[in-house]
Amino acid sequence: MVVMPALDGVEHRFVDLGDGVTIHVADAGPADAPAAMLVHGFPQNWWEWHELIVPLAADGYRVLCPDLRGAGWSSAPRCSYRKNDMADDLAVVLDRLGIATVKLAAHDWGGPVAFIMMLRHPQKVTGFFGMNTAAPYLKRDFTMLRNIWRFWYQIPIMLPVIGPRVIGDPKARFYRLLASWVGGGFLVPDDDVRFYIECMRQPGHAVAGSRWYRTFQTRELAGWLRGEYDDIRVGVPVRWLSGTEDPVLTPDLLDGYADRISDFEVELVDGVGHWIVEQRPELVLDRLRAFLRAET
């Protein structure tokens, strides 16, 4: 088992949801304070937010950073890793912790999971802040076809047998290649690469990571293309912060979001790639503070 990294003021909770699912949550700040849930991407875990947790807790927020099922210190059950199920995990965690409402912030795969949680459990969410991520909305036009090549990297990751080996490669060769390409000139620190890959090499986690992608490509993508969530209007404030050097989650993919969200704003950050939390933590912290302070 990978040793849990230490961070001042953080308590680690393991929430049993049943059916072999246990979700680890890094929990900081006053127990009765307004809650903010920060949801990580792939192949990361709660540690993605370590530069933000302490200052946000000091601001007077209860900061919850869960590990999604199959990541970090959460369990990796034998399941399909449907994003609806992963979204419901977050809702049940809130119930188990006695938290009625929360503001969500998310990066990468954490984005669609958290966004779906908001759509399925709207009474629990008072705002959403996305960072280089996507909602479960897909444009059914030439834009989608023009951009489909950008998702080439998902093919080796999603393949049975090959995918887990690619993810769990101790030398992290594919991850380093992919991280460099999406980083827009920013390289993920080597210590972080080794740490995240070590975590993904825990029993069942590389298989789980592969299934995150395989289930999306073989089951969920068709539903999103059919507009599974298109008729649900979002009534809470939604903010997006996106680095323009991300070659996968390009700004034009956000076109049309405002048609389904009553209060939607996007800030594009030049010179920043996919790893915006690591590359510009001070910017993310500033914008996240403004988002959390805003009245809903």
Protein backbone atom coordinates (compact mmCIF):
# COMPACT_ATOMS: atom_id res chain seq x y z
CA MET A 1 0.00 0.00 0.00
CA VAL A 2 1.32 3.46 -0.91
CA VAL A 3 2.03 5.62 2.13
CA MET A 4 -0.51 8.43 2.50
CA PRO A 5 1.22 11.80 2.10
CA ALA A 6 0.87 14.09 5.08
CA LEU A 7 -0.74 17.52 4.93
CA ASP A 8 -1.33 19.75 7.95
CA GLY A 9 -4.93 19.94 9.08
CA VAL A 10 -6.19 17.11 6.88
CA GLU A 11 -8.15 14.19 8.31
CA HIS A 12 -8.58 11.06 6.23
CA ARG A 13 -11.99 9.44 6.20
CA PHE A 14 -12.93 6.14 4.59
CA VAL A 15 -16.63 6.12 3.77
CA ASP A 16 -18.20 2.70 3.22
CA LEU A 17 -20.89 2.99 0.55
CA GLY A 18 -21.65 -0.74 0.35
CA ASP A 19 -21.27 -3.14 -2.60
CA GLY A 20 -17.50 -3.16 -2.14
CA VAL A 21 -17.14 0.60 -2.61
CA THR A 22 -15.16 2.57 -0.04
CA ILE A 23 -14.37 6.19 -0.84
CA HIS A 24 -11.39 7.89 0.76
CA VAL A 25 -11.92 11.59 1.50
CA ALA A 26 -9.27 14.09 2.56
CA ASP A 27 -11.21 16.42 4.87
CA ALA A 28 -9.93 19.80 6.11
CA GLY A 29 -11.41 22.91 7.67
CA PRO A 30 -14.22 23.53 10.18
CA ALA A 31 -16.80 20.74 10.27
CA ASP A 32 -19.72 23.20 10.24
CA ALA A 33 -18.31 25.50 7.53
CA PRO A 34 -19.63 25.87 3.96
CA ALA A 35 -18.41 22.84 2.04
CA ALA A 36 -16.35 22.71 -1.16
CA MET A 37 -15.69 19.38 -2.85
CA LEU A 38 -12.65 19.20 -5.17
CA VAL A 39 -12.73 16.25 -7.57
CA HIS A 40 -9.49 15.09 -9.19
CA GLY A 41 -8.70 13.88 -12.69
CA PHE A 42 -6.81 10.93 -14.17
CA PRO A 43 -4.43 9.43 -13.17
CA GLN A 44 -4.40 11.64 -10.11
CA ASN A 45 -6.06 11.48 -6.70
CA TRP A 46 -6.82 13.86 -3.82
CA TRP A 47 -3.18 14.99 -3.74
CA GLU A 48 -3.81 17.00 -6.92
CA TRP A 49 -5.30 19.68 -4.67
CA HIS A 50 -2.62 19.76 -1.95
CA GLU A 51 -1.54 23.35 -2.70
CA LEU A 52 -5.15 24.56 -2.40
CA ILE A 53 -6.50 22.60 0.57
CA VAL A 54 -4.72 24.41 3.41
CA PRO A 55 -5.40 27.99 2.21
CA LEU A 56 -9.07 27.22 1.44
CA ALA A 57 -9.52 25.61 4.85
CA ALA A 58 -7.86 28.66 6.42
CA ASP A 59 -10.41 30.81 4.60
CA GLY A 60 -13.12 29.04 6.59
CA TYR A 61 -14.34 26.36 4.19
CA ARG A 62 -14.71 22.67 4.79
CA VAL A 63 -12.63 21.23 1.97
CA LEU A 64 -13.47 17.70 0.83
CA CYS A 65 -11.18 15.96 -1.65
CA PRO A 66 -12.46 12.47 -2.46
CA ASP A 67 -10.59 9.80 -4.35
CA LEU A 68 -12.92 8.54 -7.06
CA ARG A 69 -13.57 4.81 -7.01
CA GLY A 70 -10.54 3.07 -8.52
CA ALA A 71 -8.14 5.89 -7.61
CA GLY A 72 -5.94 6.90 -4.70
CA TRP A 73 -6.96 5.24 -1.45
CA SER A 74 -10.52 4.43 -2.52
CA SER A 75 -11.43 0.85 -3.34
CA ALA A 76 -11.23 -0.53 -6.86
CA PRO A 77 -14.25 -2.85 -7.12
CA ARG A 78 -14.89 -5.09 -10.10
CA CYS A 79 -17.43 -2.96 -11.94
CA SER A 80 -17.84 -1.02 -15.18
CA TYR A 81 -17.06 2.41 -13.68
CA ARG A 82 -20.08 4.13 -15.16
CA LYS A 83 -19.83 7.83 -14.51
CA ASN A 84 -23.41 7.85 -13.18
CA ASP A 85 -22.33 5.43 -10.45
CA MET A 86 -19.19 7.42 -9.70
CA ALA A 87 -21.32 10.57 -9.49
CA ASP A 88 -23.72 8.89 -7.07
CA ASP A 89 -20.71 7.91 -4.94
CA LEU A 90 -20.06 11.61 -4.33
CA ALA A 91 -23.68 12.24 -3.37
CA VAL A 92 -23.69 9.36 -0.89
CA VAL A 93 -20.40 10.57 0.62
CA LEU A 94 -22.09 13.90 1.36
CA ASP A 95 -25.01 12.10 2.97
CA ARG A 96 -22.73 9.92 5.10
CA LEU A 97 -20.80 13.00 6.26
CA GLY A 98 -24.00 14.88 7.06
CA ILE A 99 -23.41 17.64 4.48
CA ALA A 100 -26.55 19.05 2.86
CA THR A 101 -25.08 21.24 0.12
CA VAL A 102 -21.71 21.76 -1.52
CA LYS A 103 -19.94 23.74 -4.19
CA LEU A 104 -18.10 21.52 -6.65
CA ALA A 105 -14.74 22.09 -8.31
CA ALA A 106 -13.24 19.56 -10.70
CA HIS A 107 -10.49 18.87 -13.20
CA ASP A 108 -10.23 16.42 -16.11
CA TRP A 109 -12.35 13.24 -15.53
CA GLY A 110 -13.48 14.70 -12.23
CA GLY A 111 -15.43 17.24 -14.28
CA PRO A 112 -18.00 15.02 -15.97
CA VAL A 113 -18.33 12.88 -12.83
CA ALA A 114 -19.01 15.91 -10.62
CA PHE A 115 -21.20 17.59 -13.24
CA ILE A 116 -23.34 14.47 -13.53
CA MET A 117 -23.61 14.43 -9.73
CA MET A 118 -24.99 17.96 -9.96
CA LEU A 119 -27.49 16.93 -12.66
CA ARG A 120 -28.64 13.84 -10.76
CA HIS A 121 -28.68 15.48 -7.32
CA PRO A 122 -29.35 19.18 -7.97
CA GLN A 123 -30.56 19.84 -4.42
CA LYS A 124 -27.06 19.09 -3.12
CA VAL A 125 -25.07 21.46 -5.36
CA THR A 126 -24.96 25.26 -5.21
CA GLY A 127 -22.28 25.88 -7.84
CA PHE A 128 -19.77 24.24 -10.19
CA PHE A 129 -16.22 25.29 -11.08
CA GLY A 130 -14.55 23.36 -13.91
CA MET A 131 -10.85 23.36 -14.88
CA ASN A 132 -9.75 21.95 -18.23
CA THR A 133 -12.59 19.51 -18.20
CA ALA A 134 -15.90 18.79 -19.93
CA ALA A 135 -19.55 18.41 -19.10
CA PRO A 136 -21.55 15.44 -20.50
CA TYR A 137 -22.59 17.51 -23.51
CA LEU A 138 -21.35 16.67 -27.00
CA LYS A 139 -21.91 18.71 -30.13
CA ARG A 140 -23.43 16.69 -32.91
CA ASP A 141 -21.88 18.58 -35.80
CA PHE A 142 -18.67 18.94 -37.77
CA THR A 143 -16.88 20.26 -34.69
CA MET A 144 -17.07 16.82 -33.09
CA LEU A 145 -15.69 15.12 -36.19
CA ARG A 146 -12.97 17.73 -36.57
CA ASN A 147 -11.77 17.15 -33.01
CA ILE A 148 -12.16 13.39 -32.70
CA TRP A 149 -8.49 12.73 -33.53
CA ARG A 150 -7.53 14.52 -30.31
CA PHE A 151 -8.76 11.56 -28.28
CA TRP A 152 -6.33 9.05 -29.85
CA TYR A 153 -4.66 8.43 -26.49
CA GLN A 154 -7.82 6.81 -25.11
CA ILE A 155 -7.45 3.80 -27.43
CA PRO A 156 -4.43 2.17 -25.74
CA ILE A 157 -5.73 3.09 -22.29
CA MET A 158 -9.16 1.51 -22.83
CA LEU A 159 -7.96 -1.81 -24.27
CA PRO A 160 -8.30 -4.89 -22.05
CA VAL A 161 -4.92 -6.23 -20.81
CA ILE A 162 -2.98 -3.55 -22.71
CA GLY A 163 -4.65 -0.64 -20.95
CA PRO A 164 -3.79 -1.70 -17.40
CA ARG A 165 -0.21 -2.38 -18.47
CA VAL A 166 0.08 1.05 -20.05
CA ILE A 167 -1.36 2.71 -16.95
CA GLY A 168 0.70 0.69 -14.48
CA ASP A 169 4.00 0.84 -16.35
CA PRO A 170 6.57 1.50 -13.58
CA LYS A 171 8.56 3.68 -15.97
CA ALA A 172 5.40 5.65 -16.81
CA ARG A 173 6.44 5.89 -20.48
CA PHE A 174 2.98 6.43 -21.93
CA TYR A 175 1.95 8.78 -19.12
CA ARG A 176 5.04 10.91 -19.62
CA LEU A 177 4.38 11.09 -23.37
CA LEU A 178 0.73 12.00 -22.87
CA ALA A 179 1.40 14.43 -20.01
CA SER A 180 3.95 16.28 -22.13
CA TRP A 181 1.63 16.48 -25.14
CA VAL A 182 -1.38 17.84 -23.23
CA GLY A 183 0.76 20.06 -21.01
CA GLY A 184 1.32 22.77 -23.60
CA GLY A 185 5.01 23.03 -22.72
CA PHE A 186 4.52 22.34 -19.00
CA LEU A 187 6.00 19.11 -17.67
CA VAL A 188 4.41 17.42 -14.68
CA PRO A 189 7.07 17.27 -11.95
CA ASP A 190 8.87 13.93 -11.96
CA ASP A 191 8.07 13.28 -8.30
CA ASP A 192 4.37 13.67 -9.06
CA VAL A 193 4.60 11.31 -12.03
CA ARG A 194 6.23 8.62 -9.90
CA PHE A 195 3.74 9.13 -7.08
CA TYR A 196 0.60 8.92 -9.22
CA ILE A 197 1.85 5.87 -11.12
CA GLU A 198 2.79 4.18 -7.84
CA CYS A 199 -0.79 4.76 -6.66
CA MET A 200 -2.22 3.38 -9.91
CA ARG A 201 -0.12 0.23 -9.45
CA GLN A 202 -2.07 -0.71 -6.34
CA PRO A 203 -4.19 -3.87 -6.81
CA GLY A 204 -7.11 -3.27 -9.16
CA HIS A 205 -6.43 0.41 -9.79
CA ALA A 206 -4.86 0.16 -13.24
CA VAL A 207 -7.74 -2.08 -14.34
CA ALA A 208 -10.18 0.46 -12.91
CA GLY A 209 -8.48 3.31 -14.77
CA SER A 210 -8.73 1.41 -18.02
CA ARG A 211 -12.42 0.83 -17.42
CA TRP A 212 -13.01 4.56 -16.82
CA TYR A 213 -12.13 5.00 -20.50
CA ARG A 214 -13.51 1.76 -21.94
CA THR A 215 -16.95 2.29 -20.43
CA PHE A 216 -17.00 5.84 -21.74
CA GLN A 217 -16.09 4.81 -25.27
CA THR A 218 -18.25 1.68 -25.49
CA ARG A 219 -21.34 2.71 -23.48
CA GLU A 220 -21.53 6.30 -22.35
CA LEU A 221 -20.37 8.17 -25.43
CA ALA A 222 -23.43 7.09 -27.42
CA GLY A 223 -25.74 8.34 -24.68
CA TRP A 224 -24.01 11.69 -24.52
CA LEU A 225 -24.23 11.99 -28.30
CA ARG A 226 -27.96 11.26 -28.10
CA GLY A 227 -28.29 14.13 -25.64
CA GLU A 228 -28.85 12.09 -22.48
CA TYR A 229 -28.49 15.21 -20.32
CA ASP A 230 -29.43 17.93 -22.80
CA ASP A 231 -32.89 18.58 -21.35
CA ILE A 232 -31.70 19.23 -17.80
CA ARG A 233 -31.18 22.94 -17.28
CA VAL A 234 -28.57 23.98 -14.70
CA GLY A 235 -29.77 26.79 -12.45
CA VAL A 236 -26.68 27.32 -10.26
CA PRO A 237 -23.60 29.39 -11.17
CA VAL A 238 -21.10 27.54 -13.35
CA ARG A 239 -17.59 28.83 -14.02
CA TRP A 240 -14.94 27.39 -16.32
CA LEU A 241 -11.19 28.01 -16.24
CA SER A 242 -9.37 26.55 -19.23
CA GLY A 243 -5.79 26.69 -20.43
CA THR A 244 -5.76 27.29 -24.18
CA GLU A 245 -2.70 25.08 -24.80
CA ASP A 246 -4.64 21.90 -23.94
CA PRO A 247 -4.79 20.01 -27.27
CA VAL A 248 -7.66 17.76 -26.15
CA LEU A 249 -10.15 19.91 -24.23
CA THR A 250 -10.10 22.88 -26.56
CA PRO A 251 -12.23 26.00 -25.89
CA ASP A 252 -14.58 25.33 -28.83
CA LEU A 253 -15.82 22.19 -27.08
CA LEU A 254 -17.49 24.52 -24.55
CA ASP A 255 -19.68 26.09 -27.23
CA GLY A 256 -23.33 25.49 -26.44
CA TYR A 257 -22.91 25.05 -22.68
CA ALA A 258 -24.51 28.44 -22.06
CA ASP A 259 -27.69 27.18 -23.74
CA ARG A 260 -28.19 24.73 -20.86
CA ILE A 261 -26.74 26.74 -17.95
CA SER A 262 -28.47 29.86 -16.65
CA ASP A 263 -25.32 31.50 -15.24
CA PHE A 264 -22.23 30.43 -17.19
CA GLU A 265 -18.86 32.15 -17.57
CA VAL A 266 -15.57 30.99 -19.10
CA GLU A 267 -12.07 32.33 -18.56
CA LEU A 268 -9.41 31.23 -21.04
CA VAL A 269 -5.81 31.27 -19.86
CA ASP A 270 -3.18 31.67 -22.57
CA GLY A 271 0.06 29.75 -22.27
CA VAL A 272 -1.41 27.09 -19.98
CA GLY A 273 -2.07 23.48 -20.87
CA HIS A 274 -4.11 20.68 -19.37
CA TRP A 275 -2.38 20.56 -15.98
CA ILE A 276 -3.65 23.97 -14.92
CA VAL A 277 -3.81 23.12 -11.20
CA GLU A 278 -0.12 22.22 -11.08
CA GLN A 279 1.05 24.84 -13.59
CA ARG A 280 -0.83 27.84 -12.16
CA PRO A 281 -1.92 26.97 -8.60
CA GLU A 282 -1.96 30.62 -7.54
CA LEU A 283 -4.34 31.50 -10.39
CA VAL A 284 -6.61 28.55 -9.67
CA LEU A 285 -6.67 29.44 -5.97
CA ASP A 286 -7.56 33.06 -6.72
CA ARG A 287 -10.41 32.13 -9.06
CA LEU A 288 -11.66 29.38 -6.80
CA ARG A 289 -11.76 31.78 -3.86
CA ALA A 290 -13.82 34.23 -5.88
CA PHE A 291 -16.18 31.43 -6.90
CA LEU A 292 -16.63 30.22 -3.32
CA ARG A 293 -17.20 33.75 -1.98
CA ALA A 294 -19.89 34.56 -4.53
CA GLU A 295 -23.49 34.42 -3.38
CA THR A 296 -25.64 31.71 -4.95
